[in-house]
Amino acid sequence: IFAVSNDGIPQEFDAIRKGEIDATVSQPADLYAKYAL
C-alpha cells in the first residue's frame, strides 16, 4: 500500500529506506525553531 506522510522525522526516513512507506514532506523543524526565535 503506497503511503505518503508529512513531517520529515528520522523515523519516516527509516521507513522509506525499508520500503514501508514511500514518501514524506519534510517540515523544517530546525528552521521553525530558528526563525521563530
Full PDB file with SEQRES, HELIX, SHEET, SSBOND, CRYST1, ORIGX, SCALE, CONECT and MASTER records, all heavy atoms in Angstrom:
SEQRES   1 A   37  ILE PHE ALA VAL SER ASN ASP GLY ILE PRO GLN GLU PHE          
SEQRES   2 A   37  ASP ALA ILE ARG LYS GLY GLU ILE ASP ALA THR VAL SER          
SEQRES   3 A   37  GLN PRO ALA ASP LEU TYR ALA LYS TYR ALA LEU                  
HELIX    1 AA1 PRO A   10  LYS A   18  1                                   9    
HELIX    2 AA2 ALA A   29  ALA A   36  1                                   8    
SHEET    1 AA1 2 VAL A   4  ASP A   7  0                                        
SHEET    2 AA1 2 ALA A  23  SER A  26  1                                        
CRYST1    1.000    1.000    1.000  90.00  90.00  90.00 P 1           1          
ORIGX1      1.000000  0.000000  0.000000        0.00000                         
ORIGX2      0.000000  1.000000  0.000000        0.00000                         
ORIGX3      0.000000  0.000000  1.000000        0.00000                         
SCALE1      1.000000  0.000000  0.000000        0.00000                         
SCALE2      0.000000  1.000000  0.000000        0.00000                         
SCALE3      0.000000  0.000000  1.000000        0.00000                         
ATOM      1  N   ILE A   1       0.867  -1.180   0.000  1.00  0.00           N  
ATOM      2  CA  ILE A   1       0.000   0.000   0.000  1.00  0.00           C  
ATOM      3  C   ILE A   1       0.901   1.227   0.000  1.00  0.00           C  
ATOM      4  O   ILE A   1       1.705   1.417   0.922  1.00  0.00           O  
ATOM      5  CB  ILE A   1      -0.928   0.013   1.230  1.00  0.00           C  
ATOM      6  CG1 ILE A   1      -1.874  -1.186   1.177  1.00  0.00           C  
ATOM      7  CG2 ILE A   1      -1.728   1.310   1.282  1.00  0.00           C  
ATOM      8  CD1 ILE A   1      -2.804  -1.286   2.375  1.00  0.00           C  
ATOM      9  N   PHE A   2       0.785   2.027  -1.031  1.00  0.00           N  
ATOM     10  CA  PHE A   2       1.633   3.210  -1.141  1.00  0.00           C  
ATOM     11  C   PHE A   2       1.211   4.247  -0.102  1.00  0.00           C  
ATOM     12  O   PHE A   2       0.025   4.560   0.042  1.00  0.00           O  
ATOM     13  CB  PHE A   2       1.553   3.804  -2.545  1.00  0.00           C  
ATOM     14  CG  PHE A   2       2.216   2.948  -3.585  1.00  0.00           C  
ATOM     15  CD1 PHE A   2       1.481   2.042  -4.337  1.00  0.00           C  
ATOM     16  CD2 PHE A   2       3.584   3.031  -3.792  1.00  0.00           C  
ATOM     17  CE1 PHE A   2       2.091   1.232  -5.290  1.00  0.00           C  
ATOM     18  CE2 PHE A   2       4.211   2.221  -4.735  1.00  0.00           C  
ATOM     19  CZ  PHE A   2       3.463   1.324  -5.487  1.00  0.00           C  
ATOM     20  N   ALA A   3       2.199   4.762   0.633  1.00  0.00           N  
ATOM     21  CA  ALA A   3       1.913   5.694   1.716  1.00  0.00           C  
ATOM     22  C   ALA A   3       2.805   6.915   1.622  1.00  0.00           C  
ATOM     23  O   ALA A   3       4.015   6.805   1.414  1.00  0.00           O  
ATOM     24  CB  ALA A   3       2.117   5.010   3.074  1.00  0.00           C  
ATOM     25  N   VAL A   4       2.192   8.082   1.776  1.00  0.00           N  
ATOM     26  CA  VAL A   4       2.930   9.343   1.818  1.00  0.00           C  
ATOM     27  C   VAL A   4       2.531  10.073   3.086  1.00  0.00           C  
ATOM     28  O   VAL A   4       1.370  10.025   3.514  1.00  0.00           O  
ATOM     29  CB  VAL A   4       2.654  10.206   0.564  1.00  0.00           C  
ATOM     30  CG1 VAL A   4       1.180  10.538   0.442  1.00  0.00           C  
ATOM     31  CG2 VAL A   4       3.481  11.482   0.593  1.00  0.00           C  
ATOM     32  N   SER A   5       3.496  10.720   3.706  1.00  0.00           N  
ATOM     33  CA  SER A   5       3.291  11.343   5.001  1.00  0.00           C  
ATOM     34  C   SER A   5       3.712  12.807   4.961  1.00  0.00           C  
ATOM     35  O   SER A   5       4.166  13.316   3.935  1.00  0.00           O  
ATOM     36  CB  SER A   5       4.099  10.570   6.054  1.00  0.00           C  
ATOM     37  OG  SER A   5       3.820  11.020   7.346  1.00  0.00           O  
ATOM     38  N   ASN A   6       3.542  13.484   6.089  1.00  0.00           N  
ATOM     39  CA  ASN A   6       4.038  14.846   6.283  1.00  0.00           C  
ATOM     40  C   ASN A   6       4.788  14.904   7.608  1.00  0.00           C  
ATOM     41  O   ASN A   6       4.265  14.425   8.606  1.00  0.00           O  
ATOM     42  CB  ASN A   6       2.901  15.874   6.351  1.00  0.00           C  
ATOM     43  CG  ASN A   6       2.109  16.029   5.082  1.00  0.00           C  
ATOM     44  OD1 ASN A   6       0.972  16.473   5.110  1.00  0.00           O  
ATOM     45  ND2 ASN A   6       2.673  15.662   3.953  1.00  0.00           N  
ATOM     46  N   ASP A   7       5.966  15.439   7.618  1.00  0.00           N  
ATOM     47  CA  ASP A   7       6.761  15.793   8.799  1.00  0.00           C  
ATOM     48  C   ASP A   7       8.260  15.776   8.498  1.00  0.00           C  
ATOM     49  O   ASP A   7       8.939  16.772   8.707  1.00  0.00           O  
ATOM     50  CB  ASP A   7       6.474  14.933  10.034  1.00  0.00           C  
ATOM     51  CG  ASP A   7       5.346  15.493  10.889  1.00  0.00           C  
ATOM     52  OD1 ASP A   7       4.944  16.647  10.626  1.00  0.00           O  
ATOM     53  OD2 ASP A   7       4.849  14.803  11.786  1.00  0.00           O  
ATOM     54  N   GLY A   8       8.789  14.636   8.055  1.00  0.00           N  
ATOM     55  CA  GLY A   8      10.217  14.573   7.788  1.00  0.00           C  
ATOM     56  C   GLY A   8      11.043  14.166   8.982  1.00  0.00           C  
ATOM     57  O   GLY A   8      12.225  14.523   9.088  1.00  0.00           O  
ATOM     58  N   ILE A   9      10.448  13.373   9.882  1.00  0.00           N  
ATOM     59  CA  ILE A   9      11.186  12.903  11.054  1.00  0.00           C  
ATOM     60  C   ILE A   9      12.093  11.730  10.668  1.00  0.00           C  
ATOM     61  O   ILE A   9      11.865  11.067   9.657  1.00  0.00           O  
ATOM     62  CB  ILE A   9      10.214  12.478  12.174  1.00  0.00           C  
ATOM     63  CG1 ILE A   9       9.256  11.390  11.672  1.00  0.00           C  
ATOM     64  CG2 ILE A   9       9.434  13.678  12.699  1.00  0.00           C  
ATOM     65  CD1 ILE A   9       8.343  10.828  12.748  1.00  0.00           C  
ATOM     66  N   PRO A  10      13.123  11.452  11.451  1.00  0.00           N  
ATOM     67  CA  PRO A  10      14.024  10.341  11.128  1.00  0.00           C  
ATOM     68  C   PRO A  10      13.305   9.007  10.974  1.00  0.00           C  
ATOM     69  O   PRO A  10      13.702   8.173  10.147  1.00  0.00           O  
ATOM     70  CB  PRO A  10      14.996  10.317  12.316  1.00  0.00           C  
ATOM     71  CG  PRO A  10      15.009  11.730  12.820  1.00  0.00           C  
ATOM     72  CD  PRO A  10      13.606  12.219  12.623  1.00  0.00           C  
ATOM     73  N   GLN A  11      12.263   8.787  11.764  1.00  0.00           N  
ATOM     74  CA  GLN A  11      11.540   7.519  11.685  1.00  0.00           C  
ATOM     75  C   GLN A  11      10.883   7.345  10.312  1.00  0.00           C  
ATOM     76  O   GLN A  11      10.800   6.224   9.795  1.00  0.00           O  
ATOM     77  CB  GLN A  11      10.484   7.450  12.792  1.00  0.00           C  
ATOM     78  CG  GLN A  11      11.065   7.394  14.201  1.00  0.00           C  
ATOM     79  CD  GLN A  11      11.293   8.773  14.808  1.00  0.00           C  
ATOM     80  OE1 GLN A  11      11.498   9.754  14.104  1.00  0.00           O  
ATOM     81  NE2 GLN A  11      11.252   8.832  16.123  1.00  0.00           N  
ATOM     82  N   GLU A  12      10.405   8.427   9.731  1.00  0.00           N  
ATOM     83  CA  GLU A  12       9.832   8.338   8.385  1.00  0.00           C  
ATOM     84  C   GLU A  12      10.914   8.008   7.363  1.00  0.00           C  
ATOM     85  O   GLU A  12      10.697   7.202   6.446  1.00  0.00           O  
ATOM     86  CB  GLU A  12       9.166   9.662   8.010  1.00  0.00           C  
ATOM     87  CG  GLU A  12       7.861   9.923   8.721  1.00  0.00           C  
ATOM     88  CD  GLU A  12       7.360  11.334   8.459  1.00  0.00           C  
ATOM     89  OE1 GLU A  12       8.113  12.303   8.733  1.00  0.00           O  
ATOM     90  OE2 GLU A  12       6.239  11.474   7.955  1.00  0.00           O  
ATOM     91  N   PHE A  13      12.073   8.624   7.520  1.00  0.00           N  
ATOM     92  CA  PHE A  13      13.177   8.347   6.592  1.00  0.00           C  
ATOM     93  C   PHE A  13      13.576   6.872   6.665  1.00  0.00           C  
ATOM     94  O   PHE A  13      13.833   6.231   5.637  1.00  0.00           O  
ATOM     95  CB  PHE A  13      14.382   9.226   6.915  1.00  0.00           C  
ATOM     96  CG  PHE A  13      14.165  10.693   6.588  1.00  0.00           C  
ATOM     97  CD1 PHE A  13      12.979  11.150   6.041  1.00  0.00           C  
ATOM     98  CD2 PHE A  13      15.176  11.607   6.818  1.00  0.00           C  
ATOM     99  CE1 PHE A  13      12.792  12.491   5.731  1.00  0.00           C  
ATOM    100  CE2 PHE A  13      15.009  12.954   6.514  1.00  0.00           C  
ATOM    101  CZ  PHE A  13      13.814  13.390   5.985  1.00  0.00           C  
ATOM    102  N   ASP A  14      13.632   6.320   7.877  1.00  0.00           N  
ATOM    103  CA  ASP A  14      13.965   4.902   8.035  1.00  0.00           C  
ATOM    104  C   ASP A  14      12.907   4.029   7.352  1.00  0.00           C  
ATOM    105  O   ASP A  14      13.237   3.019   6.719  1.00  0.00           O  
ATOM    106  CB  ASP A  14      14.074   4.541   9.508  1.00  0.00           C  
ATOM    107  CG  ASP A  14      15.322   5.117  10.167  1.00  0.00           C  
ATOM    108  OD1 ASP A  14      16.255   5.486   9.420  1.00  0.00           O  
ATOM    109  OD2 ASP A  14      15.365   5.188  11.409  1.00  0.00           O  
ATOM    110  N   ALA A  15      11.641   4.423   7.504  1.00  0.00           N  
ATOM    111  CA  ALA A  15      10.561   3.652   6.887  1.00  0.00           C  
ATOM    112  C   ALA A  15      10.632   3.729   5.363  1.00  0.00           C  
ATOM    113  O   ALA A  15      10.330   2.746   4.676  1.00  0.00           O  
ATOM    114  CB  ALA A  15       9.202   4.158   7.382  1.00  0.00           C  
ATOM    115  N   ILE A  16      11.047   4.864   4.827  1.00  0.00           N  
ATOM    116  CA  ILE A  16      11.219   4.993   3.378  1.00  0.00           C  
ATOM    117  C   ILE A  16      12.355   4.088   2.912  1.00  0.00           C  
ATOM    118  O   ILE A  16      12.243   3.386   1.903  1.00  0.00           O  
ATOM    119  CB  ILE A  16      11.491   6.454   2.993  1.00  0.00           C  
ATOM    120  CG1 ILE A  16      10.234   7.305   3.203  1.00  0.00           C  
ATOM    121  CG2 ILE A  16      11.946   6.558   1.530  1.00  0.00           C  
ATOM    122  CD1 ILE A  16      10.451   8.794   3.012  1.00  0.00           C  
ATOM    123  N   ARG A  17      13.463   4.090   3.656  1.00  0.00           N  
ATOM    124  CA  ARG A  17      14.609   3.238   3.287  1.00  0.00           C  
ATOM    125  C   ARG A  17      14.221   1.751   3.295  1.00  0.00           C  
ATOM    126  O   ARG A  17      14.691   0.974   2.470  1.00  0.00           O  
ATOM    127  CB  ARG A  17      15.763   3.484   4.252  1.00  0.00           C  
ATOM    128  CG  ARG A  17      16.381   4.885   4.159  1.00  0.00           C  
ATOM    129  CD  ARG A  17      17.575   5.029   5.079  1.00  0.00           C  
ATOM    130  NE  ARG A  17      18.094   6.389   5.058  1.00  0.00           N  
ATOM    131  CZ  ARG A  17      17.889   7.291   6.019  1.00  0.00           C  
ATOM    132  NH1 ARG A  17      17.181   6.956   7.098  1.00  0.00           N  
ATOM    133  NH2 ARG A  17      18.391   8.504   5.919  1.00  0.00           N  
ATOM    134  N   LYS A  18      13.358   1.367   4.224  1.00  0.00           N  
ATOM    135  CA  LYS A  18      12.936  -0.024   4.339  1.00  0.00           C  
ATOM    136  C   LYS A  18      11.839  -0.389   3.340  1.00  0.00           C  
ATOM    137  O   LYS A  18      11.483  -1.560   3.211  1.00  0.00           O  
ATOM    138  CB  LYS A  18      12.424  -0.302   5.757  1.00  0.00           C  
ATOM    139  CG  LYS A  18      13.481  -0.198   6.835  1.00  0.00           C  
ATOM    140  CD  LYS A  18      12.841  -0.371   8.219  1.00  0.00           C  
ATOM    141  CE  LYS A  18      13.855  -0.211   9.333  1.00  0.00           C  
ATOM    142  NZ  LYS A  18      13.212  -0.302  10.676  1.00  0.00           N  
ATOM    143  N   GLY A  19      11.282   0.609   2.662  1.00  0.00           N  
ATOM    144  CA  GLY A  19      10.188   0.350   1.738  1.00  0.00           C  
ATOM    145  C   GLY A  19       8.843   0.208   2.415  1.00  0.00           C  
ATOM    146  O   GLY A  19       7.874  -0.256   1.807  1.00  0.00           O  
ATOM    147  N   GLU A  20       8.746   0.642   3.692  1.00  0.00           N  
ATOM    148  CA  GLU A  20       7.486   0.520   4.427  1.00  0.00           C  
ATOM    149  C   GLU A  20       6.522   1.635   4.054  1.00  0.00           C  
ATOM    150  O   GLU A  20       5.301   1.432   4.005  1.00  0.00           O  
ATOM    151  CB  GLU A  20       7.767   0.527   5.929  1.00  0.00           C  
ATOM    152  CG  GLU A  20       8.578  -0.685   6.377  1.00  0.00           C  
ATOM    153  CD  GLU A  20       9.012  -0.600   7.821  1.00  0.00           C  
ATOM    154  OE1 GLU A  20       9.048   0.525   8.380  1.00  0.00           O  
ATOM    155  OE2 GLU A  20       9.325  -1.656   8.411  1.00  0.00           O  
ATOM    156  N   ILE A  21       7.044   2.861   3.866  1.00  0.00           N  
ATOM    157  CA  ILE A  21       6.273   3.946   3.279  1.00  0.00           C  
ATOM    158  C   ILE A  21       7.079   4.458   2.093  1.00  0.00           C  
ATOM    159  O   ILE A  21       8.226   4.048   1.876  1.00  0.00           O  
ATOM    160  CB  ILE A  21       5.954   5.071   4.280  1.00  0.00           C  
ATOM    161  CG1 ILE A  21       7.212   5.864   4.666  1.00  0.00           C  
ATOM    162  CG2 ILE A  21       5.250   4.532   5.514  1.00  0.00           C  
ATOM    163  CD1 ILE A  21       6.915   7.119   5.458  1.00  0.00           C  
ATOM    164  N   ASP A  22       6.500   5.371   1.333  1.00  0.00           N  
ATOM    165  CA  ASP A  22       7.111   5.731   0.065  1.00  0.00           C  
ATOM    166  C   ASP A  22       7.578   7.178  -0.027  1.00  0.00           C  
ATOM    167  O   ASP A  22       8.456   7.484  -0.830  1.00  0.00           O  
ATOM    168  CB  ASP A  22       6.117   5.436  -1.054  1.00  0.00           C  
ATOM    169  CG  ASP A  22       5.686   3.980  -1.026  1.00  0.00           C  
ATOM    170  OD1 ASP A  22       6.392   3.150  -1.607  1.00  0.00           O  
ATOM    171  OD2 ASP A  22       4.660   3.677  -0.377  1.00  0.00           O  
ATOM    172  N   ALA A  23       7.004   8.054   0.791  1.00  0.00           N  
ATOM    173  CA  ALA A  23       7.397   9.468   0.692  1.00  0.00           C  
ATOM    174  C   ALA A  23       6.907  10.222   1.916  1.00  0.00           C  
ATOM    175  O   ALA A  23       6.002   9.776   2.636  1.00  0.00           O  
ATOM    176  CB  ALA A  23       6.812  10.097  -0.573  1.00  0.00           C  
ATOM    177  N   THR A  24       7.519  11.376   2.148  1.00  0.00           N  
ATOM    178  CA  THR A  24       7.032  12.315   3.147  1.00  0.00           C  
ATOM    179  C   THR A  24       7.406  13.717   2.701  1.00  0.00           C  
ATOM    180  O   THR A  24       8.317  13.898   1.892  1.00  0.00           O  
ATOM    181  CB  THR A  24       7.614  12.032   4.544  1.00  0.00           C  
ATOM    182  OG1 THR A  24       6.968  12.885   5.515  1.00  0.00           O  
ATOM    183  CG2 THR A  24       9.114  12.294   4.600  1.00  0.00           C  
ATOM    184  N   VAL A  25       6.691  14.688   3.222  1.00  0.00           N  
ATOM    185  CA  VAL A  25       7.056  16.087   3.013  1.00  0.00           C  
ATOM    186  C   VAL A  25       7.789  16.544   4.261  1.00  0.00           C  
ATOM    187  O   VAL A  25       7.276  16.415   5.377  1.00  0.00           O  
ATOM    188  CB  VAL A  25       5.819  16.970   2.761  1.00  0.00           C  
ATOM    189  CG1 VAL A  25       6.232  18.433   2.631  1.00  0.00           C  
ATOM    190  CG2 VAL A  25       5.093  16.518   1.495  1.00  0.00           C  
ATOM    191  N   SER A  26       9.007  17.039   4.087  1.00  0.00           N  
ATOM    192  CA  SER A  26       9.850  17.393   5.225  1.00  0.00           C  
ATOM    193  C   SER A  26       9.531  18.794   5.725  1.00  0.00           C  
ATOM    194  O   SER A  26       9.911  19.793   5.124  1.00  0.00           O  
ATOM    195  CB  SER A  26      11.331  17.311   4.831  1.00  0.00           C  
ATOM    196  OG  SER A  26      12.153  17.717   5.903  1.00  0.00           O  
ATOM    197  N   GLN A  27       8.831  18.853   6.857  1.00  0.00           N  
ATOM    198  CA  GLN A  27       8.626  20.140   7.524  1.00  0.00           C  
ATOM    199  C   GLN A  27       9.920  20.504   8.239  1.00  0.00           C  
ATOM    200  O   GLN A  27      10.477  19.679   8.954  1.00  0.00           O  
ATOM    201  CB  GLN A  27       7.511  20.041   8.566  1.00  0.00           C  
ATOM    202  CG  GLN A  27       6.133  19.839   8.026  1.00  0.00           C  
ATOM    203  CD  GLN A  27       5.098  20.119   9.099  1.00  0.00           C  
ATOM    204  OE1 GLN A  27       4.642  21.233   9.245  1.00  0.00           O  
ATOM    205  NE2 GLN A  27       4.752  19.102   9.862  1.00  0.00           N  
ATOM    206  N   PRO A  28      10.372  21.747   8.101  1.00  0.00           N  
ATOM    207  CA  PRO A  28      11.681  22.101   8.669  1.00  0.00           C  
ATOM    208  C   PRO A  28      11.629  22.412  10.161  1.00  0.00           C  
ATOM    209  O   PRO A  28      11.581  23.566  10.574  1.00  0.00           O  
ATOM    210  CB  PRO A  28      12.064  23.339   7.860  1.00  0.00           C  
ATOM    211  CG  PRO A  28      10.753  23.976   7.520  1.00  0.00           C  
ATOM    212  CD  PRO A  28       9.781  22.837   7.308  1.00  0.00           C  
ATOM    213  N   ALA A  29      11.649  21.383  10.989  1.00  0.00           N  
ATOM    214  CA  ALA A  29      11.588  21.585  12.438  1.00  0.00           C  
ATOM    215  C   ALA A  29      12.715  22.471  12.928  1.00  0.00           C  
ATOM    216  O   ALA A  29      12.539  23.285  13.841  1.00  0.00           O  
ATOM    217  CB  ALA A  29      11.637  20.237  13.159  1.00  0.00           C  
ATOM    218  N   ASP A  30      13.898  22.316  12.326  1.00  0.00           N  
ATOM    219  CA  ASP A  30      15.040  23.131  12.744  1.00  0.00           C  
ATOM    220  C   ASP A  30      14.827  24.599  12.401  1.00  0.00           C  
ATOM    221  O   ASP A  30      15.043  25.491  13.237  1.00  0.00           O  
ATOM    222  CB  ASP A  30      16.333  22.613  12.115  1.00  0.00           C  
ATOM    223  CG  ASP A  30      16.267  22.492  10.601  1.00  0.00           C  
ATOM    224  OD1 ASP A  30      15.157  22.514  10.015  1.00  0.00           O  
ATOM    225  OD2 ASP A  30      17.343  22.358   9.975  1.00  0.00           O  
ATOM    226  N   LEU A  31      14.360  24.868  11.179  1.00  0.00           N  
ATOM    227  CA  LEU A  31      14.160  26.258  10.758  1.00  0.00           C  
ATOM    228  C   LEU A  31      12.940  26.881  11.430  1.00  0.00           C  
ATOM    229  O   LEU A  31      12.903  28.101  11.629  1.00  0.00           O  
ATOM    230  CB  LEU A  31      14.032  26.332   9.240  1.00  0.00           C  
ATOM    231  CG  LEU A  31      15.250  25.841   8.450  1.00  0.00           C  
ATOM    232  CD1 LEU A  31      15.051  26.073   6.959  1.00  0.00           C  
ATOM    233  CD2 LEU A  31      16.529  26.521   8.937  1.00  0.00           C  
ATOM    234  N   TYR A  32      11.952  26.063  11.778  1.00  0.00           N  
ATOM    235  CA  TYR A  32      10.834  26.594  12.553  1.00  0.00           C  
ATOM    236  C   TYR A  32      11.357  27.204  13.850  1.00  0.00           C  
ATOM    237  O   TYR A  32      10.982  28.319  14.236  1.00  0.00           O  
ATOM    238  CB  TYR A  32       9.843  25.472  12.886  1.00  0.00           C  
ATOM    239  CG  TYR A  32       8.843  25.140  11.798  1.00  0.00           C  
ATOM    240  CD1 TYR A  32       8.886  25.742  10.551  1.00  0.00           C  
ATOM    241  CD2 TYR A  32       7.847  24.194  12.027  1.00  0.00           C  
ATOM    242  CE1 TYR A  32       7.973  25.419   9.560  1.00  0.00           C  
ATOM    243  CE2 TYR A  32       6.919  23.868  11.042  1.00  0.00           C  
ATOM    244  CZ  TYR A  32       6.985  24.480   9.812  1.00  0.00           C  
ATOM    245  OH  TYR A  32       6.067  24.156   8.840  1.00  0.00           O  
ATOM    246  N   ALA A  33      12.205  26.456  14.543  1.00  0.00           N  
ATOM    247  CA  ALA A  33      12.751  26.945  15.812  1.00  0.00           C  
ATOM    248  C   ALA A  33      13.642  28.158  15.592  1.00  0.00           C  
ATOM    249  O   ALA A  33      13.530  29.182  16.290  1.00  0.00           O  
ATOM    250  CB  ALA A  33      13.529  25.832  16.501  1.00  0.00           C  
ATOM    251  N   LYS A  34      14.531  28.076  14.605  1.00  0.00           N  
ATOM    252  CA  LYS A  34      15.500  29.154  14.368  1.00  0.00           C  
ATOM    253  C   LYS A  34      14.814  30.468  14.034  1.00  0.00           C  
ATOM    254  O   LYS A  34      15.099  31.506  14.645  1.00  0.00           O  
ATOM    255  CB  LYS A  34      16.448  28.755  13.242  1.00  0.00           C  
ATOM    256  CG  LYS A  34      17.472  29.829  12.889  1.00  0.00           C  
ATOM    257  CD  LYS A  34      18.421  29.337  11.799  1.00  0.00           C  
ATOM    258  CE  LYS A  34      19.480  30.381  11.473  1.00  0.00           C  
ATOM    259  NZ  LYS A  34      20.429  29.877  10.441  1.00  0.00           N  
ATOM    260  N   TYR A  35      13.905  30.426  13.078  1.00  0.00           N  
ATOM    261  CA  TYR A  35      13.333  31.695  12.616  1.00  0.00           C  
ATOM    262  C   TYR A  35      12.185  32.178  13.491  1.00  0.00           C  
ATOM    263  O   TYR A  35      11.915  33.383  13.530  1.00  0.00           O  
ATOM    264  CB  TYR A  35      12.953  31.593  11.141  1.00  0.00           C  
ATOM    265  CG  TYR A  35      14.213  31.587  10.301  1.00  0.00           C  
ATOM    266  CD1 TYR A  35      14.698  30.419   9.736  1.00  0.00           C  
ATOM    267  CD2 TYR A  35      14.977  32.746  10.155  1.00  0.00           C  
ATOM    268  CE1 TYR A  35      15.889  30.405   9.020  1.00  0.00           C  
ATOM    269  CE2 TYR A  35      16.162  32.747   9.445  1.00  0.00           C  
ATOM    270  CZ  TYR A  35      16.610  31.570   8.880  1.00  0.00           C  
ATOM    271  OH  TYR A  35      17.801  31.568   8.195  1.00  0.00           O  
ATOM    272  N   ALA A  36      11.538  31.300  14.236  1.00  0.00           N  
ATOM    273  CA  ALA A  36      10.572  31.768  15.223  1.00  0.00           C  
ATOM    274  C   ALA A  36      11.274  32.628  16.261  1.00  0.00           C  
ATOM    275  O   ALA A  36      10.818  33.732  16.601  1.00  0.00           O  
ATOM    276  CB  ALA A  36       9.879  30.585  15.889  1.00  0.00           C  
ATOM    277  N   LEU A  37      12.410  32.146  16.749  1.00  0.00           N  
ATOM    278  CA  LEU A  37      13.177  32.908  17.737  1.00  0.00           C  
ATOM    279  C   LEU A  37      13.787  34.162  17.111  1.00  0.00           C  
ATOM    280  O   LEU A  37      13.833  35.233  17.736  1.00  0.00           O  
ATOM    281  CB  LEU A  37      14.259  32.029  18.339  1.00  0.00           C  
ATOM    282  CG  LEU A  37      13.752  30.874  19.211  1.00  0.00           C  
ATOM    283  CD1 LEU A  37      14.866  29.887  19.508  1.00  0.00           C  
ATOM    284  CD2 LEU A  37      13.156  31.413  20.508  1.00  0.00           C  
TER     285      LEU A  37                                                      
MASTER        0    0    0    2    2    0    0    6  284    1    0    3          
END                                                                             
